[in-house]
Amino acid sequence: VVVIASWRVHPEVWVGDITKGEEKTEPTPANISWFLAVMVTMVV
């Protein structure tokens, strides 16, 4: 749910993944928030 929601709301979070690391995902507050949401989901 978190991954699909991040794709719907802020797909640019996944630029690094879909470019196979050729482009870096910018560390914007939204991108950091989605990363933290994914991590919290897994840890919780």
Full PDB file with SEQRES, HELIX, SHEET, SSBOND, CRYST1, ORIGX, SCALE, CONECT and MASTER records, all heavy atoms in Angstrom:
SEQRES   1 A   44  VAL VAL VAL ILE ALA SER TRP ARG VAL HIS PRO GLU VAL          
SEQRES   2 A   44  TRP VAL GLY ASP ILE THR LYS GLY GLU GLU LYS THR GLU          
SEQRES   3 A   44  PRO THR PRO ALA ASN ILE SER TRP PHE LEU ALA VAL MET          
SEQRES   4 A   44  VAL THR MET VAL VAL                                          
HELIX    1 AA1 VAL A    2  VAL A    9  1                                   8    
HELIX    2 AA2 PRO A   11  TRP A   14  5                                   4    
HELIX    3 AA3 VAL A   15  ILE A   18  1                                   4    
HELIX    4 AA4 PRO A   29  VAL A   43  1                                  15    
CRYST1    1.000    1.000    1.000  90.00  90.00  90.00 P 1           1          
ORIGX1      1.000000  0.000000  0.000000        0.00000                         
ORIGX2      0.000000  1.000000  0.000000        0.00000                         
ORIGX3      0.000000  0.000000  1.000000        0.00000                         
SCALE1      1.000000  0.000000  0.000000        0.00000                         
SCALE2      0.000000  1.000000  0.000000        0.00000                         
SCALE3      0.000000  0.000000  1.000000        0.00000                         
ATOM      1  N   VAL A   1       0.839  -1.202   0.000  1.00  0.00           N  
ATOM      2  CA  VAL A   1       0.000   0.000   0.000  1.00  0.00           C  
ATOM      3  C   VAL A   1       0.874   1.252   0.000  1.00  0.00           C  
ATOM      4  O   VAL A   1       0.628   2.201  -0.756  1.00  0.00           O  
ATOM      5  CB  VAL A   1      -0.966  -0.009   1.210  1.00  0.00           C  
ATOM      6  CG1 VAL A   1      -1.598   1.359   1.430  1.00  0.00           C  
ATOM      7  CG2 VAL A   1      -2.032  -1.070   1.029  1.00  0.00           C  
ATOM      8  N   VAL A   2       1.920   1.261   0.828  1.00  0.00           N  
ATOM      9  CA  VAL A   2       2.807   2.431   0.889  1.00  0.00           C  
ATOM     10  C   VAL A   2       3.537   2.622  -0.442  1.00  0.00           C  
ATOM     11  O   VAL A   2       3.633   3.745  -0.949  1.00  0.00           O  
ATOM     12  CB  VAL A   2       3.807   2.302   2.062  1.00  0.00           C  
ATOM     13  CG1 VAL A   2       4.868   3.390   2.003  1.00  0.00           C  
ATOM     14  CG2 VAL A   2       3.076   2.350   3.396  1.00  0.00           C  
ATOM     15  N   VAL A   3       4.028   1.539  -1.032  1.00  0.00           N  
ATOM     16  CA  VAL A   3       4.752   1.650  -2.302  1.00  0.00           C  
ATOM     17  C   VAL A   3       3.829   2.137  -3.416  1.00  0.00           C  
ATOM     18  O   VAL A   3       4.185   3.063  -4.161  1.00  0.00           O  
ATOM     19  CB  VAL A   3       5.415   0.302  -2.677  1.00  0.00           C  
ATOM     20  CG1 VAL A   3       5.923   0.317  -4.105  1.00  0.00           C  
ATOM     21  CG2 VAL A   3       6.554  -0.011  -1.719  1.00  0.00           C  
ATOM     22  N   ILE A   4       2.652   1.556  -3.530  1.00  0.00           N  
ATOM     23  CA  ILE A   4       1.710   1.965  -4.579  1.00  0.00           C  
ATOM     24  C   ILE A   4       1.259   3.410  -4.343  1.00  0.00           C  
ATOM     25  O   ILE A   4       1.166   4.206  -5.296  1.00  0.00           O  
ATOM     26  CB  ILE A   4       0.492   1.014  -4.643  1.00  0.00           C  
ATOM     27  CG1 ILE A   4       0.937  -0.399  -5.007  1.00  0.00           C  
ATOM     28  CG2 ILE A   4      -0.559   1.532  -5.623  1.00  0.00           C  
ATOM     29  CD1 ILE A   4       1.591  -0.546  -6.354  1.00  0.00           C  
ATOM     30  N   ALA A   5       1.020   3.777  -3.087  1.00  0.00           N  
ATOM     31  CA  ALA A   5       0.625   5.160  -2.781  1.00  0.00           C  
ATOM     32  C   ALA A   5       1.738   6.133  -3.168  1.00  0.00           C  
ATOM     33  O   ALA A   5       1.466   7.202  -3.722  1.00  0.00           O  
ATOM     34  CB  ALA A   5       0.289   5.295  -1.300  1.00  0.00           C  
ATOM     35  N   SER A   6       2.978   5.760  -2.904  1.00  0.00           N  
ATOM     36  CA  SER A   6       4.086   6.646  -3.265  1.00  0.00           C  
ATOM     37  C   SER A   6       4.182   6.803  -4.786  1.00  0.00           C  
ATOM     38  O   SER A   6       4.487   7.883  -5.281  1.00  0.00           O  
ATOM     39  CB  SER A   6       5.407   6.138  -2.689  1.00  0.00           C  
ATOM     40  OG  SER A   6       5.822   4.951  -3.314  1.00  0.00           O  
ATOM     41  N   TRP A   7       3.904   5.732  -5.531  1.00  0.00           N  
ATOM     42  CA  TRP A   7       3.898   5.819  -6.996  1.00  0.00           C  
ATOM     43  C   TRP A   7       2.787   6.727  -7.477  1.00  0.00           C  
ATOM     44  O   TRP A   7       2.947   7.444  -8.459  1.00  0.00           O  
ATOM     45  CB  TRP A   7       3.723   4.434  -7.615  1.00  0.00           C  
ATOM     46  CG  TRP A   7       5.009   3.821  -8.029  1.00  0.00           C  
ATOM     47  CD1 TRP A   7       5.721   2.881  -7.351  1.00  0.00           C  
ATOM     48  CD2 TRP A   7       5.754   4.102  -9.210  1.00  0.00           C  
ATOM     49  NE1 TRP A   7       6.857   2.569  -8.046  1.00  0.00           N  
ATOM     50  CE2 TRP A   7       6.904   3.301  -9.191  1.00  0.00           C  
ATOM     51  CE3 TRP A   7       5.557   4.965 -10.294  1.00  0.00           C  
ATOM     52  CZ2 TRP A   7       7.858   3.322 -10.201  1.00  0.00           C  
ATOM     53  CZ3 TRP A   7       6.506   4.986 -11.299  1.00  0.00           C  
ATOM     54  CH2 TRP A   7       7.647   4.172 -11.238  1.00  0.00           C  
ATOM     55  N   ARG A   8       1.642   6.680  -6.813  1.00  0.00           N  
ATOM     56  CA  ARG A   8       0.509   7.511  -7.228  1.00  0.00           C  
ATOM     57  C   ARG A   8       0.729   8.979  -6.889  1.00  0.00           C  
ATOM     58  O   ARG A   8       0.400   9.852  -7.669  1.00  0.00           O  
ATOM     59  CB  ARG A   8      -0.785   7.025  -6.555  1.00  0.00           C  
ATOM     60  CG  ARG A   8      -1.268   5.667  -6.993  1.00  0.00           C  
ATOM     61  CD  ARG A   8      -1.913   5.722  -8.308  1.00  0.00           C  
ATOM     62  NE  ARG A   8      -2.976   6.715  -8.277  1.00  0.00           N  
ATOM     63  CZ  ARG A   8      -3.962   6.772  -9.108  1.00  0.00           C  
ATOM     64  NH1 ARG A   8      -4.042   5.898 -10.056  1.00  0.00           N  
ATOM     65  NH2 ARG A   8      -4.881   7.698  -9.029  1.00  0.00           N  
ATOM     66  N   VAL A   9       1.282   9.257  -5.699  1.00  0.00           N  
ATOM     67  CA  VAL A   9       1.392  10.626  -5.211  1.00  0.00           C  
ATOM     68  C   VAL A   9       2.694  11.299  -5.650  1.00  0.00           C  
ATOM     69  O   VAL A   9       2.681  12.439  -6.097  1.00  0.00           O  
ATOM     70  CB  VAL A   9       1.263  10.657  -3.668  1.00  0.00           C  
ATOM     71  CG1 VAL A   9       1.429  12.053  -3.125  1.00  0.00           C  
ATOM     72  CG2 VAL A   9      -0.075  10.075  -3.234  1.00  0.00           C  
ATOM     73  N   HIS A  10       3.813  10.616  -5.491  1.00  0.00           N  
ATOM     74  CA  HIS A  10       5.128  11.168  -5.830  1.00  0.00           C  
ATOM     75  C   HIS A  10       5.954  10.123  -6.577  1.00  0.00           C  
ATOM     76  O   HIS A  10       6.896   9.558  -6.026  1.00  0.00           O  
ATOM     77  CB  HIS A  10       5.896  11.593  -4.562  1.00  0.00           C  
ATOM     78  CG  HIS A  10       5.372  12.812  -3.918  1.00  0.00           C  
ATOM     79  ND1 HIS A  10       4.620  12.775  -2.769  1.00  0.00           N  
ATOM     80  CD2 HIS A  10       5.480  14.115  -4.271  1.00  0.00           C  
ATOM     81  CE1 HIS A  10       4.290  14.001  -2.437  1.00  0.00           C  
ATOM     82  NE2 HIS A  10       4.801  14.835  -3.334  1.00  0.00           N  
ATOM     83  N   PRO A  11       5.663   9.876  -7.844  1.00  0.00           N  
ATOM     84  CA  PRO A  11       6.399   8.837  -8.577  1.00  0.00           C  
ATOM     85  C   PRO A  11       7.885   9.141  -8.734  1.00  0.00           C  
ATOM     86  O   PRO A  11       8.685   8.227  -8.917  1.00  0.00           O  
ATOM     87  CB  PRO A  11       5.689   8.775  -9.929  1.00  0.00           C  
ATOM     88  CG  PRO A  11       4.972  10.065 -10.057  1.00  0.00           C  
ATOM     89  CD  PRO A  11       4.648  10.516  -8.667  1.00  0.00           C  
ATOM     90  N   GLU A  12       8.263  10.409  -8.605  1.00  0.00           N  
ATOM     91  CA  GLU A  12       9.682  10.747  -8.753  1.00  0.00           C  
ATOM     92  C   GLU A  12      10.545  10.127  -7.657  1.00  0.00           C  
ATOM     93  O   GLU A  12      11.767  10.082  -7.777  1.00  0.00           O  
ATOM     94  CB  GLU A  12       9.869  12.267  -8.801  1.00  0.00           C  
ATOM     95  CG  GLU A  12       9.507  13.008  -7.539  1.00  0.00           C  
ATOM     96  CD  GLU A  12       8.014  13.328  -7.415  1.00  0.00           C  
ATOM     97  OE1 GLU A  12       7.238  13.027  -8.326  1.00  0.00           O  
ATOM     98  OE2 GLU A  12       7.641  13.877  -6.370  1.00  0.00           O  
ATOM     99  N   VAL A  13       9.919   9.632  -6.603  1.00  0.00           N  
ATOM    100  CA  VAL A  13      10.651   8.927  -5.547  1.00  0.00           C  
ATOM    101  C   VAL A  13      11.407   7.729  -6.137  1.00  0.00           C  
ATOM    102  O   VAL A  13      12.465   7.353  -5.654  1.00  0.00           O  
ATOM    103  CB  VAL A  13       9.670   8.446  -4.447  1.00  0.00           C  
ATOM    104  CG1 VAL A  13      10.321   7.496  -3.480  1.00  0.00           C  
ATOM    105  CG2 VAL A  13       9.078   9.635  -3.713  1.00  0.00           C  
ATOM    106  N   TRP A  14      10.872   7.160  -7.200  1.00  0.00           N  
ATOM    107  CA  TRP A  14      11.398   5.917  -7.751  1.00  0.00           C  
ATOM    108  C   TRP A  14      12.292   6.112  -8.970  1.00  0.00           C  
ATOM    109  O   TRP A  14      12.633   5.144  -9.644  1.00  0.00           O  
ATOM    110  CB  TRP A  14      10.232   4.986  -8.092  1.00  0.00           C  
ATOM    111  CG  TRP A  14       9.425   4.706  -6.870  1.00  0.00           C  
ATOM    112  CD1 TRP A  14       8.258   5.283  -6.493  1.00  0.00           C  
ATOM    113  CD2 TRP A  14       9.780   3.811  -5.820  1.00  0.00           C  
ATOM    114  NE1 TRP A  14       7.855   4.801  -5.280  1.00  0.00           N  
ATOM    115  CE2 TRP A  14       8.761   3.888  -4.843  1.00  0.00           C  
ATOM    116  CE3 TRP A  14      10.848   2.937  -5.608  1.00  0.00           C  
ATOM    117  CZ2 TRP A  14       8.788   3.145  -3.671  1.00  0.00           C  
ATOM    118  CZ3 TRP A  14      10.874   2.193  -4.441  1.00  0.00           C  
ATOM    119  CH2 TRP A  14       9.856   2.297  -3.494  1.00  0.00           C  
ATOM    120  N   VAL A  15      12.706   7.353  -9.268  1.00  0.00           N  
ATOM    121  CA  VAL A  15      13.552   7.623 -10.434  1.00  0.00           C  
ATOM    122  C   VAL A  15      14.839   6.814 -10.374  1.00  0.00           C  
ATOM    123  O   VAL A  15      15.267   6.228 -11.374  1.00  0.00           O  
ATOM    124  CB  VAL A  15      13.859   9.135 -10.563  1.00  0.00           C  
ATOM    125  CG1 VAL A  15      14.985   9.388 -11.548  1.00  0.00           C  
ATOM    126  CG2 VAL A  15      12.616   9.882 -10.986  1.00  0.00           C  
ATOM    127  N   GLY A  16      15.478   6.736  -9.230  1.00  0.00           N  
ATOM    128  CA  GLY A  16      16.718   5.968  -9.101  1.00  0.00           C  
ATOM    129  C   GLY A  16      16.520   4.501  -9.425  1.00  0.00           C  
ATOM    130  O   GLY A  16      17.377   3.869 -10.038  1.00  0.00           O  
ATOM    131  N   ASP A  17      15.372   3.958  -9.041  1.00  0.00           N  
ATOM    132  CA  ASP A  17      15.093   2.543  -9.317  1.00  0.00           C  
ATOM    133  C   ASP A  17      14.816   2.296 -10.791  1.00  0.00           C  
ATOM    134  O   ASP A  17      15.337   1.336 -11.366  1.00  0.00           O  
ATOM    135  CB  ASP A  17      13.903   2.064  -8.494  1.00  0.00           C  
ATOM    136  CG  ASP A  17      14.236   1.865  -7.034  1.00  0.00           C  
ATOM    137  OD1 ASP A  17      15.205   2.496  -6.562  1.00  0.00           O  
ATOM    138  OD2 ASP A  17      13.535   1.091  -6.364  1.00  0.00           O  
ATOM    139  N   ILE A  18      13.978   3.155 -11.397  1.00  0.00           N  
ATOM    140  CA  ILE A  18      13.599   2.869 -12.773  1.00  0.00           C  
ATOM    141  C   ILE A  18      14.687   3.224 -13.778  1.00  0.00           C  
ATOM    142  O   ILE A  18      14.642   2.774 -14.906  1.00  0.00           O  
ATOM    143  CB  ILE A  18      12.259   3.532 -13.170  1.00  0.00           C  
ATOM    144  CG1 ILE A  18      12.339   5.045 -13.092  1.00  0.00           C  
ATOM    145  CG2 ILE A  18      11.130   3.016 -12.320  1.00  0.00           C  
ATOM    146  CD1 ILE A  18      11.081   5.747 -13.573  1.00  0.00           C  
ATOM    147  N   THR A  19      15.677   4.024 -13.349  1.00  0.00           N  
ATOM    148  CA  THR A  19      16.809   4.311 -14.237  1.00  0.00           C  
ATOM    149  C   THR A  19      18.010   3.435 -13.890  1.00  0.00           C  
ATOM    150  O   THR A  19      19.109   3.669 -14.387  1.00  0.00           O  
ATOM    151  CB  THR A  19      17.220   5.794 -14.160  1.00  0.00           C  
ATOM    152  OG1 THR A  19      17.665   6.091 -12.828  1.00  0.00           O  
ATOM    153  CG2 THR A  19      16.101   6.709 -14.591  1.00  0.00           C  
ATOM    154  N   LYS A  20      17.794   2.445 -13.051  1.00  0.00           N  
ATOM    155  CA  LYS A  20      18.844   1.504 -12.635  1.00  0.00           C  
ATOM    156  C   LYS A  20      20.037   2.234 -12.030  1.00  0.00           C  
ATOM    157  O   LYS A  20      21.184   1.867 -12.231  1.00  0.00           O  
ATOM    158  CB  LYS A  20      19.295   0.633 -13.795  1.00  0.00           C  
ATOM    159  CG  LYS A  20      18.178  -0.138 -14.440  1.00  0.00           C  
ATOM    160  CD  LYS A  20      18.699  -0.913 -15.625  1.00  0.00           C  
ATOM    161  CE  LYS A  20      17.601  -1.098 -16.626  1.00  0.00           C  
ATOM    162  NZ  LYS A  20      18.066  -1.584 -17.887  1.00  0.00           N  
ATOM    163  N   GLY A  21      19.755   3.311 -11.295  1.00  0.00           N  
ATOM    164  CA  GLY A  21      20.795   4.050 -10.608  1.00  0.00           C  
ATOM    165  C   GLY A  21      21.508   5.088 -11.447  1.00  0.00           C  
ATOM    166  O   GLY A  21      22.400   5.774 -10.953  1.00  0.00           O  
ATOM    167  N   GLU A  22      21.132   5.208 -12.723  1.00  0.00           N  
ATOM    168  CA  GLU A  22      21.791   6.198 -13.587  1.00  0.00           C  
ATOM    169  C   GLU A  22      21.443   7.619 -13.173  1.00  0.00           C  
ATOM    170  O   GLU A  22      22.249   8.523 -13.310  1.00  0.00           O  
ATOM    171  CB  GLU A  22      21.415   5.954 -15.051  1.00  0.00           C  
ATOM    172  CG  GLU A  22      21.985   4.660 -15.597  1.00  0.00           C  
ATOM    173  CD  GLU A  22      21.462   4.331 -16.986  1.00  0.00           C  
ATOM    174  OE1 GLU A  22      20.797   5.191 -17.599  1.00  0.00           O  
ATOM    175  OE2 GLU A  22      21.718   3.207 -17.443  1.00  0.00           O  
ATOM    176  N   GLU A  23      20.233   7.826 -12.685  1.00  0.00           N  
ATOM    177  CA  GLU A  23      19.825   9.117 -12.138  1.00  0.00           C  
ATOM    178  C   GLU A  23      19.546   8.905 -10.658  1.00  0.00           C  
ATOM    179  O   GLU A  23      18.967   7.901 -10.262  1.00  0.00           O  
ATOM    180  CB  GLU A  23      18.563   9.636 -12.825  1.00  0.00           C  
ATOM    181  CG  GLU A  23      18.775  10.112 -14.229  1.00  0.00           C  
ATOM    182  CD  GLU A  23      17.515  10.748 -14.798  1.00  0.00           C  
ATOM    183  OE1 GLU A  23      16.806  11.463 -14.058  1.00  0.00           O  
ATOM    184  OE2 GLU A  23      17.248  10.512 -15.977  1.00  0.00           O  
ATOM    185  N   LYS A  24      19.944   9.848  -9.861  1.00  0.00           N  
ATOM    186  CA  LYS A  24      19.726   9.754  -8.422  1.00  0.00           C  
ATOM    187  C   LYS A  24      18.392  10.386  -8.053  1.00  0.00           C  
ATOM    188  O   LYS A  24      17.958  11.370  -8.659  1.00  0.00           O  
ATOM    189  CB  LYS A  24      20.853  10.451  -7.646  1.00  0.00           C  
ATOM    190  CG  LYS A  24      22.218   9.858  -7.914  1.00  0.00           C  
ATOM    191  CD  LYS A  24      22.292   8.450  -7.372  1.00  0.00           C  
ATOM    192  CE  LYS A  24      23.657   7.850  -7.610  1.00  0.00           C  
ATOM    193  NZ  LYS A  24      23.720   6.443  -7.488  1.00  0.00           N  
ATOM    194  N   THR A  25      17.758   9.819  -7.048  1.00  0.00           N  
ATOM    195  CA  THR A  25      16.540  10.402  -6.517  1.00  0.00           C  
ATOM    196  C   THR A  25      16.944  11.573  -5.625  1.00  0.00           C  
ATOM    197  O   THR A  25      17.761  11.408  -4.722  1.00  0.00           O  
ATOM    198  CB  THR A  25      15.747   9.356  -5.704  1.00  0.00           C  
ATOM    199  OG1 THR A  25      15.440   8.253  -6.550  1.00  0.00           O  
ATOM    200  CG2 THR A  25      14.470   9.945  -5.155  1.00  0.00           C  
ATOM    201  N   GLU A  26      16.390  12.731  -5.896  1.00  0.00           N  
ATOM    202  CA  GLU A  26      16.711  13.921  -5.113  1.00  0.00           C  
ATOM    203  C   GLU A  26      16.191  13.762  -3.682  1.00  0.00           C  
ATOM    204  O   GLU A  26      15.066  13.298  -3.478  1.00  0.00           O  
ATOM    205  CB  GLU A  26      16.087  15.165  -5.753  1.00  0.00           C  
ATOM    206  CG  GLU A  26      16.663  15.508  -7.104  1.00  0.00           C  
ATOM    207  CD  GLU A  26      18.136  15.864  -7.043  1.00  0.00           C  
ATOM    208  OE1 GLU A  26      18.560  16.544  -6.093  1.00  0.00           O  
ATOM    209  OE2 GLU A  26      18.870  15.437  -7.960  1.00  0.00           O  
ATOM    210  N   PRO A  27      16.974  14.162  -2.679  1.00  0.00           N  
ATOM    211  CA  PRO A  27      16.534  14.034  -1.284  1.00  0.00           C  
ATOM    212  C   PRO A  27      15.599  15.169  -0.854  1.00  0.00           C  
ATOM    213  O   PRO A  27      15.918  15.961   0.019  1.00  0.00           O  
ATOM    214  CB  PRO A  27      17.844  14.056  -0.501  1.00  0.00           C  
ATOM    215  CG  PRO A  27      18.785  14.847  -1.349  1.00  0.00           C  
ATOM    216  CD  PRO A  27      18.373  14.581  -2.773  1.00  0.00           C  
ATOM    217  N   THR A  28      14.431  15.251  -1.487  1.00  0.00           N  
ATOM    218  CA  THR A  28      13.443  16.262  -1.113  1.00  0.00           C  
ATOM    219  C   THR A  28      12.689  15.780   0.127  1.00  0.00           C  
ATOM    220  O   THR A  28      12.706  14.584   0.447  1.00  0.00           O  
ATOM    221  CB  THR A  28      12.442  16.487  -2.261  1.00  0.00           C  
ATOM    222  OG1 THR A  28      11.696  15.283  -2.463  1.00  0.00           O  
ATOM    223  CG2 THR A  28      13.139  16.903  -3.550  1.00  0.00           C  
ATOM    224  N   PRO A  29      12.008  16.682   0.834  1.00  0.00           N  
ATOM    225  CA  PRO A  29      11.231  16.249   2.005  1.00  0.00           C  
ATOM    226  C   PRO A  29      10.205  15.163   1.678  1.00  0.00           C  
ATOM    227  O   PRO A  29      10.021  14.224   2.455  1.00  0.00           O  
ATOM    228  CB  PRO A  29      10.545  17.541   2.472  1.00  0.00           C  
ATOM    229  CG  PRO A  29      11.467  18.628   2.027  1.00  0.00           C  
ATOM    230  CD  PRO A  29      12.032  18.144   0.710  1.00  0.00           C  
ATOM    231  N   ALA A  30       9.561  15.260   0.515  1.00  0.00           N  
ATOM    232  CA  ALA A  30       8.574  14.238   0.129  1.00  0.00           C  
ATOM    233  C   ALA A  30       9.250  12.890  -0.077  1.00  0.00           C  
ATOM    234  O   ALA A  30       8.746  11.854   0.375  1.00  0.00           O  
ATOM    235  CB  ALA A  30       7.841  14.657  -1.138  1.00  0.00           C  
ATOM    236  N   ASN A  31      10.385  12.872  -0.767  1.00  0.00           N  
ATOM    237  CA  ASN A  31      11.094  11.619  -1.017  1.00  0.00           C  
ATOM    238  C   ASN A  31      11.573  10.989   0.288  1.00  0.00           C  
ATOM    239  O   ASN A  31      11.480   9.775   0.469  1.00  0.00           O  
ATOM    240  CB  ASN A  31      12.271  11.849  -1.955  1.00  0.00           C  
ATOM    241  CG  ASN A  31      11.825  12.277  -3.332  1.00  0.00           C  
ATOM    242  OD1 ASN A  31      10.646  12.239  -3.654  1.00  0.00           O  
ATOM    243  ND2 ASN A  31      12.758  12.710  -4.142  1.00  0.00           N  
ATOM    244  N   ILE A  32      12.077  11.812   1.188  1.00  0.00           N  
ATOM    245  CA  ILE A  32      12.532  11.299   2.483  1.00  0.00           C  
ATOM    246  C   ILE A  32      11.347  10.766   3.278  1.00  0.00           C  
ATOM    247  O   ILE A  32      11.440   9.716   3.924  1.00  0.00           O  
ATOM    248  CB  ILE A  32      13.291  12.405   3.255  1.00  0.00           C  
ATOM    249  CG1 ILE A  32      14.605  12.716   2.531  1.00  0.00           C  
ATOM    250  CG2 ILE A  32      13.542  11.989   4.697  1.00  0.00           C  
ATOM    251  CD1 ILE A  32      15.319  13.953   3.023  1.00  0.00           C  
ATOM    252  N   SER A  33      10.220  11.447   3.213  1.00  0.00           N  
ATOM    253  CA  SER A  33       9.020  10.997   3.925  1.00  0.00           C  
ATOM    254  C   SER A  33       8.557   9.632   3.434  1.00  0.00           C  
ATOM    255  O   SER A  33       8.198   8.766   4.233  1.00  0.00           O  
ATOM    256  CB  SER A  33       7.889  12.013   3.761  1.00  0.00           C  
ATOM    257  OG  SER A  33       8.241  13.234   4.334  1.00  0.00           O  
ATOM    258  N   TRP A  34       8.550   9.438   2.109  1.00  0.00           N  
ATOM    259  CA  TRP A  34       8.131   8.143   1.574  1.00  0.00           C  
ATOM    260  C   TRP A  34       9.116   7.048   1.949  1.00  0.00           C  
ATOM    261  O   TRP A  34       8.726   5.927   2.280  1.00  0.00           O  
ATOM    262  CB  TRP A  34       7.945   8.213   0.057  1.00  0.00           C  
ATOM    263  CG  TRP A  34       6.669   8.884  -0.312  1.00  0.00           C  
ATOM    264  CD1 TRP A  34       6.524  10.097  -0.909  1.00  0.00           C  
ATOM    265  CD2 TRP A  34       5.338   8.407  -0.073  1.00  0.00           C  
ATOM    266  NE1 TRP A  34       5.190  10.392  -1.060  1.00  0.00           N  
ATOM    267  CE2 TRP A  34       4.444   9.374  -0.559  1.00  0.00           C  
ATOM    268  CE3 TRP A  34       4.824   7.261   0.508  1.00  0.00           C  
ATOM    269  CZ2 TRP A  34       3.060   9.227  -0.480  1.00  0.00           C  
ATOM    270  CZ3 TRP A  34       3.442   7.110   0.576  1.00  0.00           C  
ATOM    271  CH2 TRP A  34       2.578   8.084   0.086  1.00  0.00           C  
ATOM    272  N   PHE A  35      10.408   7.351   1.917  1.00  0.00           N  
ATOM    273  CA  PHE A  35      11.415   6.375   2.328  1.00  0.00           C  
ATOM    274  C   PHE A  35      11.187   5.984   3.790  1.00  0.00           C  
ATOM    275  O   PHE A  35      11.216   4.787   4.127  1.00  0.00           O  
ATOM    276  CB  PHE A  35      12.825   6.939   2.142  1.00  0.00           C  
ATOM    277  CG  PHE A  35      13.897   6.060   2.706  1.00  0.00           C  
ATOM    278  CD1 PHE A  35      14.292   4.913   2.032  1.00  0.00           C  
ATOM    279  CD2 PHE A  35      14.493   6.357   3.925  1.00  0.00           C  
ATOM    280  CE1 PHE A  35      15.275   4.088   2.560  1.00  0.00           C  
ATOM    281  CE2 PHE A  35      15.463   5.538   4.462  1.00  0.00           C  
ATOM    282  CZ  PHE A  35      15.863   4.395   3.779  1.00  0.00           C  
ATOM    283  N   LEU A  36      10.952   6.962   4.637  1.00  0.00           N  
ATOM    284  CA  LEU A  36      10.702   6.674   6.051  1.00  0.00           C  
ATOM    285  C   LEU A  36       9.415   5.868   6.237  1.00  0.00           C  
ATOM    286  O   LEU A  36       9.355   4.976   7.091  1.00  0.00           O  
ATOM    287  CB  LEU A  36      10.655   7.965   6.862  1.00  0.00           C  
ATOM    288  CG  LEU A  36      11.988   8.681   7.024  1.00  0.00           C  
ATOM    289  CD1 LEU A  36      11.798  10.015   7.740  1.00  0.00           C  
ATOM    290  CD2 LEU A  36      12.989   7.805   7.761  1.00  0.00           C  
ATOM    291  N   ALA A  37       8.395   6.167   5.444  1.00  0.00           N  
ATOM    292  CA  ALA A  37       7.141   5.403   5.533  1.00  0.00           C  
ATOM    293  C   ALA A  37       7.369   3.936   5.191  1.00  0.00           C  
ATOM    294  O   ALA A  37       6.849   3.037   5.865  1.00  0.00           O  
ATOM    295  CB  ALA A  37       6.086   6.017   4.614  1.00  0.00           C  
ATOM    296  N   VAL A  38       8.171   3.685   4.155  1.00  0.00           N  
ATOM    297  CA  VAL A  38       8.491   2.304   3.783  1.00  0.00           C  
ATOM    298  C   VAL A  38       9.263   1.618   4.915  1.00  0.00           C  
ATOM    299  O   VAL A  38       8.955   0.492   5.312  1.00  0.00           O  
ATOM    300  CB  VAL A  38       9.290   2.263   2.456  1.00  0.00           C  
ATOM    301  CG1 VAL A  38       9.894   0.900   2.218  1.00  0.00           C  
ATOM    302  CG2 VAL A  38       8.404   2.657   1.292  1.00  0.00           C  
ATOM    303  N   MET A  39      10.265   2.305   5.454  1.00  0.00           N  
ATOM    304  CA  MET A  39      11.086   1.716   6.522  1.00  0.00           C  
ATOM    305  C   MET A  39      10.261   1.465   7.787  1.00  0.00           C  
ATOM    306  O   MET A  39      10.368   0.404   8.411  1.00  0.00           O  
ATOM    307  CB  MET A  39      12.285   2.616   6.841  1.00  0.00           C  
ATOM    308  CG  MET A  39      13.292   2.712   5.724  1.00  0.00           C  
ATOM    309  SD  MET A  39      13.903   1.116   5.137  1.00  0.00           S  
ATOM    310  CE  MET A  39      14.744   0.532   6.580  1.00  0.00           C  
ATOM    311  N   VAL A  40       9.444   2.423   8.170  1.00  0.00           N  
ATOM    312  CA  VAL A  40       8.614   2.257   9.367  1.00  0.00           C  
ATOM    313  C   VAL A  40       7.647   1.098   9.189  1.00  0.00           C  
ATOM    314  O   VAL A  40       7.438   0.303  10.113  1.00  0.00           O  
ATOM    315  CB  VAL A  40       7.871   3.578   9.702  1.00  0.00           C  
ATOM    316  CG1 VAL A  40       6.762   3.357  10.709  1.00  0.00           C  
ATOM    317  CG2 VAL A  40       8.863   4.610  10.213  1.00  0.00           C  
ATOM    318  N   THR A  41       7.070   0.978   8.013  1.00  0.00           N  
ATOM    319  CA  THR A  41       6.157  -0.141   7.746  1.00  0.00           C  
ATOM    320  C   THR A  41       6.861  -1.477   7.966  1.00  0.00           C  
ATOM    321  O   THR A  41       6.317  -2.374   8.616  1.00  0.00           O  
ATOM    322  CB  THR A  41       5.629  -0.072   6.297  1.00  0.00           C  
ATOM    323  OG1 THR A  41       4.954   1.164   6.120  1.00  0.00           O  
ATOM    324  CG2 THR A  41       4.695  -1.212   5.987  1.00  0.00           C  
ATOM    325  N   MET A  42       8.075  -1.597   7.438  1.00  0.00           N  
ATOM    326  CA  MET A  42       8.801  -2.864   7.588  1.00  0.00           C  
ATOM    327  C   MET A  42       9.210  -3.109   9.035  1.00  0.00           C  
ATOM    328  O   MET A  42       9.054  -4.221   9.552  1.00  0.00           O  
ATOM    329  CB  MET A  42      10.013  -2.890   6.663  1.00  0.00           C  
ATOM    330  CG  MET A  42       9.618  -2.989   5.203  1.00  0.00           C  
ATOM    331  SD  MET A  42      10.999  -3.226   4.081  1.00  0.00           S  
ATOM    332  CE  MET A  42      11.857  -1.683   4.224  1.00  0.00           C  
ATOM    333  N   VAL A  43       9.733  -2.097   9.717  1.00  0.00           N  
ATOM    334  CA  VAL A  43      10.180  -2.287  11.102  1.00  0.00           C  
ATOM    335  C   VAL A  43       8.996  -2.567  12.018  1.00  0.00           C  
ATOM    336  O   VAL A  43       9.062  -3.474  12.858  1.00  0.00           O  
ATOM    337  CB  VAL A  43      10.996  -1.063  11.590  1.00  0.00           C  
ATOM    338  CG1 VAL A  43      11.257  -1.147  13.076  1.00  0.00           C  
ATOM    339  CG2 VAL A  43      12.307  -0.965  10.829  1.00  0.00           C  
ATOM    340  N   VAL A  44       7.909  -1.833  11.866  1.00  0.00           N  
ATOM    341  CA  VAL A  44       6.741  -2.052  12.713  1.00  0.00           C  
ATOM    342  C   VAL A  44       6.151  -3.441  12.464  1.00  0.00           C  
ATOM    343  O   VAL A  44       5.806  -4.162  13.410  1.00  0.00           O  
ATOM    344  CB  VAL A  44       5.684  -0.940  12.502  1.00  0.00           C  
ATOM    345  CG1 VAL A  44       4.354  -1.308  13.135  1.00  0.00           C  
ATOM    346  CG2 VAL A  44       6.200   0.371  13.065  1.00  0.00           C  
TER     347      VAL A  44                                                      
MASTER        0    0    0    4    0    0    0    6  346    1    0    4          
END                                                                             
